[in-house]
Protein backbone atom coordinates (compact mmCIF):
# COMPACT_ATOMS: atom_id res chain seq x y z
CA MET A 1 89.40 -46.46 -47.22
CA LYS A 2 92.39 -44.31 -48.31
CA ILE A 3 94.41 -45.93 -51.16
CA LYS A 4 97.51 -44.39 -52.27
CA CYS A 5 98.13 -43.24 -56.05
CA GLU A 6 100.45 -45.58 -57.87
CA PHE A 7 101.98 -42.09 -59.68
CA CYS A 8 101.73 -39.55 -58.07
CA GLU A 9 101.64 -41.09 -54.40
CA ASN A 10 98.97 -38.85 -52.78
CA MET A 11 96.25 -40.47 -50.87
CA TYR A 12 92.83 -40.28 -52.01
CA ASP A 13 89.56 -41.89 -51.36
CA ASP A 14 89.22 -45.39 -53.13
CA THR A 15 85.66 -45.37 -54.59
CA LEU A 16 87.41 -41.82 -56.98
CA GLU A 17 87.72 -43.09 -60.22
CA ASN A 18 90.85 -40.99 -60.94
CA CYS A 19 93.47 -39.92 -58.78
CA PRO A 20 92.05 -36.64 -57.97
CA SER A 21 96.02 -34.58 -58.27
CA CYS A 22 97.18 -36.59 -61.55
CA GLY A 23 94.31 -37.67 -63.25
CA ALA A 24 95.20 -41.33 -63.36
CA LYS A 25 93.02 -44.48 -63.01
CA ASN A 26 91.95 -46.49 -59.76
CA GLU A 27 92.37 -49.47 -60.61
CA TYR A 28 91.29 -50.57 -57.31
CA VAL A 29 88.10 -48.95 -57.63
CA ARG A 30 85.22 -50.25 -55.34
CA GLN A 31 82.38 -52.34 -56.67
CA SER A 32 79.75 -54.18 -55.68
CA ALA A 33 78.97 -57.56 -55.86
CA PRO A 34 78.92 -60.21 -57.92
CA ASN A 35 75.55 -61.07 -59.52
CA GLN A 36 74.05 -57.43 -57.96
CA PRO A 37 72.39 -54.74 -59.33
CA LEU A 38 75.72 -52.80 -60.68
CA THR A 39 73.66 -49.86 -62.60
CA ILE A 40 70.31 -48.13 -61.91
CA GLU A 41 68.43 -49.58 -64.64
CA GLN A 42 69.49 -53.02 -63.21
CA LEU A 43 68.42 -51.80 -59.76
CA LYS A 44 64.88 -51.11 -61.10
CA GLU A 45 64.61 -54.54 -62.73
CA TRP A 46 65.61 -56.02 -58.96
CA TYR A 47 62.89 -54.38 -57.51
CA GLU A 48 60.10 -54.96 -60.22
CA GLU A 49 61.43 -58.88 -59.56
CA LYS A 50 61.10 -59.27 -55.78
CA GLY A 51 57.25 -57.73 -56.03
CA LEU A 52 58.18 -54.97 -54.72
CA PRO A 53 55.03 -52.27 -53.10
CA PRO A 54 54.93 -48.78 -55.76
CA TYR A 55 57.93 -46.38 -54.62
CA GLU A 56 55.56 -44.14 -53.04
CA VAL A 57 54.80 -47.20 -50.63
CA THR A 58 58.68 -47.87 -49.69
CA ARG A 59 59.87 -44.53 -50.13
CA PHE A 60 62.83 -46.29 -52.13
CA PHE A 61 62.84 -43.77 -55.32
CA ILE A 62 65.08 -45.29 -57.91
CA GLY A 63 66.42 -43.05 -60.38
CA GLU A 64 64.62 -40.43 -59.70
CA ASN A 65 65.54 -36.79 -57.76
CA TYR A 66 62.56 -37.25 -55.68
CA ARG A 67 62.20 -34.13 -53.70
CA LYS A 68 59.55 -34.45 -51.26
CA PRO A 69 60.45 -35.26 -47.80
CA LYS A 70 60.67 -39.45 -45.82
CA ALA A 71 62.29 -40.94 -49.42
CA PHE A 72 65.26 -42.99 -49.90
CA GLY A 73 66.73 -42.68 -53.66
CA ILE A 74 69.29 -42.98 -56.28
CA TYR A 75 69.62 -40.59 -59.59
CA LYS A 76 72.54 -39.62 -62.32
CA ASP A 77 72.57 -35.61 -62.02
CA GLU A 78 72.93 -34.87 -65.16
CA ASN A 79 74.63 -31.92 -65.25
CA THR A 80 77.90 -33.29 -63.44
CA GLY A 81 77.92 -36.67 -64.44
CA ASN A 82 77.61 -37.86 -60.98
CA PHE A 83 74.90 -40.58 -59.33
CA ILE A 84 73.49 -39.33 -55.74
CA VAL A 85 72.54 -41.29 -53.09
CA TYR A 86 69.83 -39.44 -51.62
CA LYS A 87 68.01 -39.29 -48.29
CA ASN A 88 65.11 -37.07 -47.32
CA LYS A 89 64.61 -36.58 -43.88
CA ASP A 90 60.99 -36.13 -42.28
CA THR A 91 62.04 -33.03 -41.82
CA GLY A 92 62.20 -31.41 -45.52
CA GLU A 93 65.97 -31.84 -45.37
CA ARG A 94 68.11 -34.11 -47.70
CA ALA A 95 71.58 -36.24 -46.58
CA ILE A 96 73.83 -37.05 -49.49
CA ARG A 97 75.25 -41.31 -48.98
CA TYR A 98 77.10 -41.24 -52.06
CA GLU A 99 77.52 -38.18 -54.99
CA GLY A 100 80.15 -39.48 -57.40
CA THR A 101 81.24 -41.46 -60.93
CA ASP A 102 80.66 -44.52 -59.59
CA GLU A 103 77.21 -46.41 -60.46
CA ALA A 104 77.67 -49.95 -58.95
CA TYR A 105 79.04 -48.54 -55.87
CA ALA A 106 76.40 -46.47 -55.46
CA VAL A 107 73.65 -49.08 -56.20
CA ASN A 108 75.12 -50.93 -53.43
CA GLU A 109 74.55 -48.44 -50.91
CA LEU A 110 71.27 -48.11 -51.70
CA LEU A 111 71.05 -51.51 -52.32
CA MET A 112 72.25 -52.14 -48.93
CA ARG A 113 69.58 -49.89 -47.46
CA MET A 114 66.73 -51.53 -48.93
CA ARG A 115 67.65 -54.80 -47.52
CA GLN A 116 67.66 -53.03 -44.10
CA GLU A 117 64.41 -52.05 -44.78
CA ILE A 118 62.62 -54.65 -45.90
CA LEU A 119 64.00 -57.13 -43.53
CA ASN A 120 62.39 -54.79 -40.88
CA GLN A 121 58.73 -54.47 -42.65
CA LYS A 122 58.66 -58.55 -42.74
CA GLU A 123 59.78 -58.30 -38.76
CA ASN A 124 56.90 -55.91 -38.48
CA ASN A 125 54.67 -58.73 -40.83
CA LEU A 126 55.52 -61.51 -39.54
CA PRO A 127 52.66 -61.70 -36.21
CA GLN A 128 50.32 -60.53 -38.62
CA ASN A 129 50.81 -63.13 -41.29
CA ASP A 130 51.09 -65.62 -38.08
CA SER A 131 47.27 -67.46 -38.09
CA GLN A 132 48.03 -69.64 -35.65
CA GLY A 133 49.42 -67.67 -32.93
CA ARG A 134 53.68 -69.22 -33.09
CA GLU A 135 56.48 -67.60 -31.56
CA THR A 136 57.64 -64.99 -33.76
CA LEU A 137 60.49 -62.73 -35.22
CA SER A 138 62.40 -60.87 -32.90
CA GLY A 139 65.34 -58.80 -33.27
CA GLY A 140 65.86 -58.82 -36.84
CA SER A 141 67.83 -61.90 -37.50
CA GLY A 142 64.66 -64.30 -38.53
CA TYR A 143 63.04 -67.65 -37.16
CA SER A 144 65.26 -69.28 -34.83
CA ARG A 145 65.66 -73.32 -35.00
CA GLU A 146 63.71 -73.69 -31.67
CA THR A 147 60.84 -71.89 -32.84
CA MET A 148 60.35 -73.43 -36.89
CA LYS A 149 60.91 -76.73 -34.95
CA ARG A 150 57.78 -75.59 -32.75
CA ASN A 151 55.76 -74.24 -35.65
CA LYS A 152 56.45 -77.31 -37.46
CA ILE A 153 54.62 -79.56 -34.42
CA ILE A 154 51.84 -77.14 -34.14
CA ASP A 155 51.25 -77.32 -37.50
CA SER A 156 51.14 -81.16 -36.99
CA PHE A 157 48.17 -81.50 -33.80
CA ALA A 158 45.85 -79.43 -36.70
CA THR A 159 45.34 -82.49 -37.59
CA ILE A 160 44.40 -84.45 -34.95
CA GLY A 161 41.03 -83.75 -34.27
CA VAL A 162 38.05 -81.20 -33.02
CA LEU A 163 40.21 -81.02 -29.24
CA ALA A 164 43.26 -79.52 -30.97
CA ILE A 165 41.40 -77.36 -33.09
CA ILE A 166 40.40 -75.75 -29.53
CA ILE A 167 43.41 -75.45 -28.14
CA LEU A 168 45.08 -73.67 -31.38
CA ILE A 169 41.80 -71.37 -31.32
CA SER A 170 42.37 -70.52 -27.97
CA PHE A 171 46.71 -69.95 -28.48
CA CYS A 172 45.67 -67.94 -31.32
CA VAL A 173 43.27 -65.72 -28.59
CA ASN A 174 46.16 -65.57 -26.52
CA SER A 175 48.64 -64.31 -29.13
CA VAL A 176 46.23 -61.54 -30.81
CA LYS A 177 46.10 -60.13 -27.05
CA SER A 178 49.83 -60.66 -26.08
CA TYR A 179 50.61 -58.74 -29.72
CA LYS A 180 48.53 -55.69 -28.28
CA ASN A 181 51.71 -55.46 -25.59
CA ALA A 182 54.28 -56.33 -27.66
CA ILE A 183 55.87 -53.32 -29.03
CA SER A 184 57.65 -51.02 -27.01
CA ASP A 185 59.09 -47.65 -28.16
CA PRO A 186 62.92 -47.12 -29.57
CA GLY A 187 64.40 -45.15 -26.64
CA TYR A 188 66.10 -44.35 -23.15
CA TYR A 189 64.34 -46.54 -20.25
CA ARG A 190 64.90 -45.84 -16.13
CA TYR A 191 64.68 -49.11 -14.32
CA ASN A 192 65.50 -49.62 -10.64
CA ASP A 193 68.27 -46.34 -10.88
CA ARG A 194 69.46 -47.79 -13.97
CA THR A 195 69.89 -47.25 -18.11
CA TYR A 196 68.54 -49.24 -20.54
CA TYR A 197 68.28 -48.20 -24.34
CA HIS A 198 65.46 -50.50 -26.66
CA ILE A 199 67.25 -49.97 -30.15
CA GLY A 200 64.24 -52.51 -32.06
CA ASN A 201 60.20 -52.34 -32.03
CA TYR A 202 59.28 -55.84 -29.81
CA SER A 203 59.70 -55.59 -26.26
CA ASN A 204 61.35 -58.71 -25.87
CA SER A 205 64.50 -58.54 -27.65
CA ASN A 206 66.97 -56.02 -28.05
CA TRP A 207 67.56 -54.49 -25.45
CA ILE A 208 71.01 -52.55 -23.85
CA GLU A 209 72.64 -51.55 -20.59
CA TYR A 210 74.61 -48.44 -19.81
CA ALA A 211 76.87 -50.03 -16.95
CA GLY A 212 80.58 -49.79 -16.45
CA ASP A 213 80.37 -46.09 -18.73
CA GLU A 214 79.54 -48.39 -21.76
CA TRP A 215 76.37 -49.99 -23.48
CA LYS A 216 76.10 -53.82 -22.45
CA ASP A 217 73.29 -56.42 -23.86
CA VAL A 218 70.90 -57.04 -21.39
CA SER A 219 71.05 -60.20 -19.60
CA ASP A 220 69.20 -60.52 -16.58
CA GLY A 221 66.58 -62.73 -16.17
CA GLU A 222 64.72 -60.77 -14.04
CA VAL A 223 65.08 -57.15 -15.49
CA LEU A 224 64.47 -58.51 -19.21
CA LYS A 225 60.92 -59.58 -17.83
CA VAL A 226 59.94 -56.49 -17.08
CA LEU A 227 61.74 -54.98 -20.05
CA SER A 228 59.32 -57.74 -22.10
CA ASP A 229 56.10 -56.59 -20.77
CA ALA A 230 55.21 -53.44 -23.02
CA HIS A 231 52.74 -52.38 -21.52
CA LYS A 232 54.26 -52.11 -17.84
CA VAL A 233 57.64 -50.90 -19.42
CA LYS A 234 56.04 -47.56 -20.75
CA LYS A 235 55.83 -46.31 -17.39
CA TYR A 236 59.79 -46.39 -17.19
CA TYR A 237 59.96 -44.78 -20.57
CA VAL A 238 62.50 -41.50 -20.72
CA SER A 239 63.04 -39.97 -23.95
CA GLU A 240 63.62 -41.32 -27.45
CA ASN A 241 66.83 -39.43 -28.23
CA ASP A 242 67.38 -37.36 -25.03
CA TYR A 243 70.16 -39.31 -23.58
CA SER A 244 72.16 -36.19 -21.90
CA SER A 245 69.89 -36.32 -18.89
CA LEU A 246 70.78 -39.30 -18.40
CA GLU A 247 74.39 -38.89 -18.00
CA CYS A 248 75.63 -41.57 -20.34
CA THR A 249 76.53 -41.92 -24.23
CA ASP A 250 75.02 -41.81 -27.27
CA ALA A 251 72.57 -45.02 -27.68
CA THR A 252 72.68 -44.66 -31.21
CA ASP A 253 76.91 -44.97 -31.38
CA THR A 254 77.26 -48.27 -30.86
CA MET A 255 78.04 -51.48 -32.72
CA MET A 256 74.79 -53.22 -31.36
CA TYR A 257 73.00 -50.20 -33.11
CA GLN A 258 74.75 -50.51 -35.76
CA ASP A 259 74.51 -54.18 -36.72
CA TYR A 260 70.86 -54.12 -35.67
CA GLN A 261 70.29 -50.77 -38.70
CA TYR A 262 72.31 -52.89 -41.26
CA GLY A 263 70.08 -55.99 -40.36
CA TYR A 264 73.30 -58.19 -39.29
CA SER A 265 74.70 -58.48 -42.76
CA VAL A 266 77.63 -57.42 -44.77
CA GLN A 267 77.67 -56.90 -48.04
CA TYR A 268 79.63 -59.17 -50.54
CA GLY A 269 82.79 -58.25 -52.12
CA TYR A 270 86.65 -58.62 -51.26
CA TYR A 271 88.48 -56.89 -47.88
CA SER A 272 91.31 -55.95 -47.19
CA TYR A 273 92.75 -56.11 -43.69
CA GLY A 274 96.29 -56.30 -42.48
CA ASP A 275 98.41 -58.59 -45.40
CA ASP A 276 95.67 -61.10 -46.11
CA VAL A 277 92.29 -60.54 -48.34
CA TYR A 278 89.11 -61.55 -47.51
CA TYR A 279 85.58 -62.51 -50.05
CA HIS A 280 82.16 -62.15 -47.91
CA ASP A 281 80.01 -64.49 -50.41
CA ASN A 282 76.34 -64.38 -47.73
CA PHE A 283 74.20 -61.45 -46.55
CA TYR A 284 74.52 -62.31 -42.38
CA SER A 285 77.79 -60.43 -41.27
CA GLU A 286 78.80 -64.52 -39.74
CA ASP A 287 78.02 -66.72 -42.55
CA GLY A 288 80.57 -67.16 -46.11
CA TRP A 289 83.73 -65.90 -44.86
CA TYR A 290 86.86 -66.84 -47.16
CA LYS A 291 90.17 -66.19 -46.77
CA TYR A 292 92.76 -65.77 -49.70
CA ASP A 293 95.89 -68.48 -49.64
CA SER A 294 98.74 -67.29 -51.08
CA ASP A 295 100.15 -70.86 -50.70
CA THR A 296 97.44 -72.43 -52.57
CA ASP A 297 96.64 -69.17 -55.03
CA GLY A 298 92.88 -70.12 -53.93
CA TRP A 299 90.46 -69.44 -52.01
CA GLU A 300 89.93 -71.00 -47.97
CA TYR A 301 86.29 -71.21 -45.65
CA ILE A 302 86.52 -69.73 -42.64
CA GLU A 303 84.78 -69.77 -39.37
CA ALA A 304 83.47 -66.27 -38.30
CA ASP A 305 84.97 -66.14 -35.56
CA TYR A 306 88.80 -66.21 -37.62
CA ALA A 307 87.42 -63.05 -39.45
CA PRO A 308 88.52 -60.10 -38.59
CA GLU A 309 85.67 -58.35 -36.04
CA GLU A 310 85.99 -55.21 -37.64
CA LEU A 311 84.90 -57.11 -40.82
CA ARG A 312 81.94 -59.06 -39.36
CA HIS A 313 80.27 -55.26 -38.81
CA GLN A 314 79.34 -53.23 -41.76
CA ALA A 315 79.81 -50.09 -40.04
CA LEU A 316 82.85 -51.12 -40.00
CA ALA A 317 84.06 -53.37 -43.10
CA PHE A 318 83.35 -50.18 -45.65
CA ASP A 319 86.56 -49.02 -44.52
CA TYR A 320 88.40 -51.98 -45.36
CA SER A 321 86.17 -53.03 -48.85
CA PHE A 322 87.51 -52.86 -52.21
CA LEU A 323 87.44 -55.02 -55.79
CA PRO A 324 91.35 -55.19 -56.86
CA ASP A 325 91.59 -56.73 -60.23
CA TRP A 326 93.63 -59.75 -60.75
CA ASP A 327 96.74 -59.08 -61.64
CA THR A 328 100.59 -60.01 -61.72
CA GLU A 329 100.72 -57.26 -58.93
CA THR A 330 97.47 -58.00 -56.82
CA GLN A 331 98.79 -61.91 -56.67
CA PHE A 332 95.50 -63.31 -55.76
CA SER A 333 92.20 -65.10 -57.77
CA GLU A 334 89.49 -63.68 -58.59
CA PHE A 335 87.09 -65.57 -56.57
CA THR A 336 84.07 -65.83 -59.11
CA SER A 337 86.70 -67.34 -61.04
CA TRP A 338 87.59 -70.18 -58.06
CA VAL A 339 84.29 -70.93 -57.49
CA GLU A 340 84.11 -72.32 -60.64
CA ASP A 341 87.40 -74.33 -60.91
CA ASN A 342 86.12 -75.52 -57.19
CA ARG A 343 82.52 -75.98 -57.29
CA GLU A 344 82.41 -78.60 -55.06
CA ILE A 345 84.44 -77.01 -52.15
CA TYR A 346 82.19 -74.20 -52.27
CA ASP A 347 79.16 -76.25 -52.46
CA SER A 348 80.07 -77.46 -49.37
CA HIS A 349 80.32 -74.82 -47.37
CA SER A 350 77.18 -72.81 -49.27
CA TYR A 351 73.83 -71.16 -47.34
CA ASP A 352 72.04 -74.32 -47.58
CA SER A 353 75.02 -76.63 -46.14
CA SER A 354 76.67 -75.03 -43.84
CA THR A 355 73.63 -73.48 -42.60
CA TRP A 356 70.48 -75.33 -43.13
CA ASP A 357 70.83 -79.34 -41.00
CA SER A 358 68.49 -81.02 -43.58
CA SER A 359 68.13 -83.36 -40.80
CA ASP A 360 66.37 -81.18 -38.74
CA SER A 361 62.67 -81.75 -38.82
CA TRP A 362 62.42 -77.85 -40.59
CA SER A 363 64.34 -79.30 -43.46
CA SER A 364 62.99 -78.17 -47.38
CA SER A 365 62.02 -81.98 -46.86
CA THR A 366 59.50 -81.33 -44.33
CA TRP A 367 58.55 -77.29 -45.45
CA ASP A 368 55.01 -76.07 -45.46
CA SER A 369 54.36 -74.26 -48.41
CA SER A 370 51.10 -73.07 -47.61
CA ASP A 371 53.45 -71.47 -44.46
CA SER A 372 53.27 -67.53 -45.19
CA TRP A 373 56.98 -68.21 -45.17
CA SER A 374 56.41 -69.25 -48.56
CA SER A 375 58.04 -66.39 -50.56
CA TRP A 376 60.87 -67.08 -48.64
CA SER A 377 64.62 -68.38 -51.07
CA SER A 378 67.51 -69.26 -49.40
CA ASP A 379 69.03 -67.58 -52.16
CA ASP A 380 67.99 -64.27 -52.30
CA SER A 381 67.43 -63.88 -48.00
CA TRP A 382 65.22 -60.79 -47.02
CA ASP A 383 65.05 -59.67 -50.44
CA SER A 384 62.11 -61.59 -51.69
CA TRP A 385 58.60 -60.00 -50.86
CA SER A 386 55.00 -61.24 -50.13
CA SER A 387 52.26 -59.85 -52.26
CA SER A 388 50.26 -60.51 -48.60
CA ASP A 389 52.93 -58.08 -46.26
CA SER A 390 52.07 -54.74 -45.71
CA TRP A 391 54.39 -52.15 -45.73
CA ASP A 392 54.30 -49.56 -43.25
CA SER A 393 57.10 -47.05 -43.64
CA GLY A 394 55.74 -44.66 -40.46
CA SER A 395 58.11 -47.22 -38.49
CA THR A 396 61.51 -45.61 -40.58
CA ASP A 397 63.68 -43.56 -38.82
CA TRP A 398 63.15 -40.45 -40.64
CA GLY A 399 65.17 -38.18 -38.42
CA SER A 400 68.48 -39.83 -39.26
CA ASP A 401 70.72 -39.32 -41.60
CA TRP A 402 70.48 -42.92 -43.10
């Protein structure tokens, strides 16, 4: 986002600490959200606390100028003093995501990408970890409530006797067979003279169709039935990235594709949109939105539908993100201070109370700690990592810039 220098009125990028024309300090330089790593050293500690595999496995190199292909990383250039966030593609070419003096901003850029990769890896592990043949994650959005309810029902049947065990074993065998055919390659498909694109990995989700000169979610039940069969749909596969021959636009330019890449998340922090100021206090884009109320000099919780559309898509939200000081000029209160003074109001809209229904059969009171999801924490969302999970960076899109 561009801002105007208060001294020389030159327009410049809000990530710069100083105006490039007159050198005046940028009082509104964007920073990372509260309670997030702000330095490279803090990011290293965060990485270790989550129990993530070695850098060579995850391909995220923190504090290292790693030069080999297939790597993400961040380091400080001692010659320039700049912090550099990079991606080494599979070709060996390096794409620079950020280069500048704002360490907190640089750290947050890599952190967001790392969270996205953790989400993808969790998705890849679900079928392997689910030893009871239960329905698994699709599209990187987590277990649905109905799926979790069914899982708990299946778990309870395991105690009623030999018959239930036989049924469960049979169900597991069928699920394993289904999983072998559950993967569809990302890319373009042609079926019944219509063009489709598969965004994710699993066949039963994340399909979009090119219709009316634009990409739309696939809603046709019969079409989904065909596309969801990973074995049959292979014959309709056209290409991973050649869309010109299909006379359609690039599916990777769509907001649906971008949302998937960012794990349906929006970073924490302040956002300026028009004459209003918003704060996002949740990993997921559809939760945790607050709007500043100038009449009360406080923050009001709002449903996602009342937050601007641009702010609910990370690819667009970058242009509205900022972290202003709380002073007489900005005229609005700092969010964390407001939370401390209004803890009861804040807690009533926190992630646990607003998103998770304690009356559901899968609430914390009935959660089975023996589940493979025992490492899950609502505080850090997808940030946790289980030692039983495996990490395969082969599924990462190493050809893209980020």
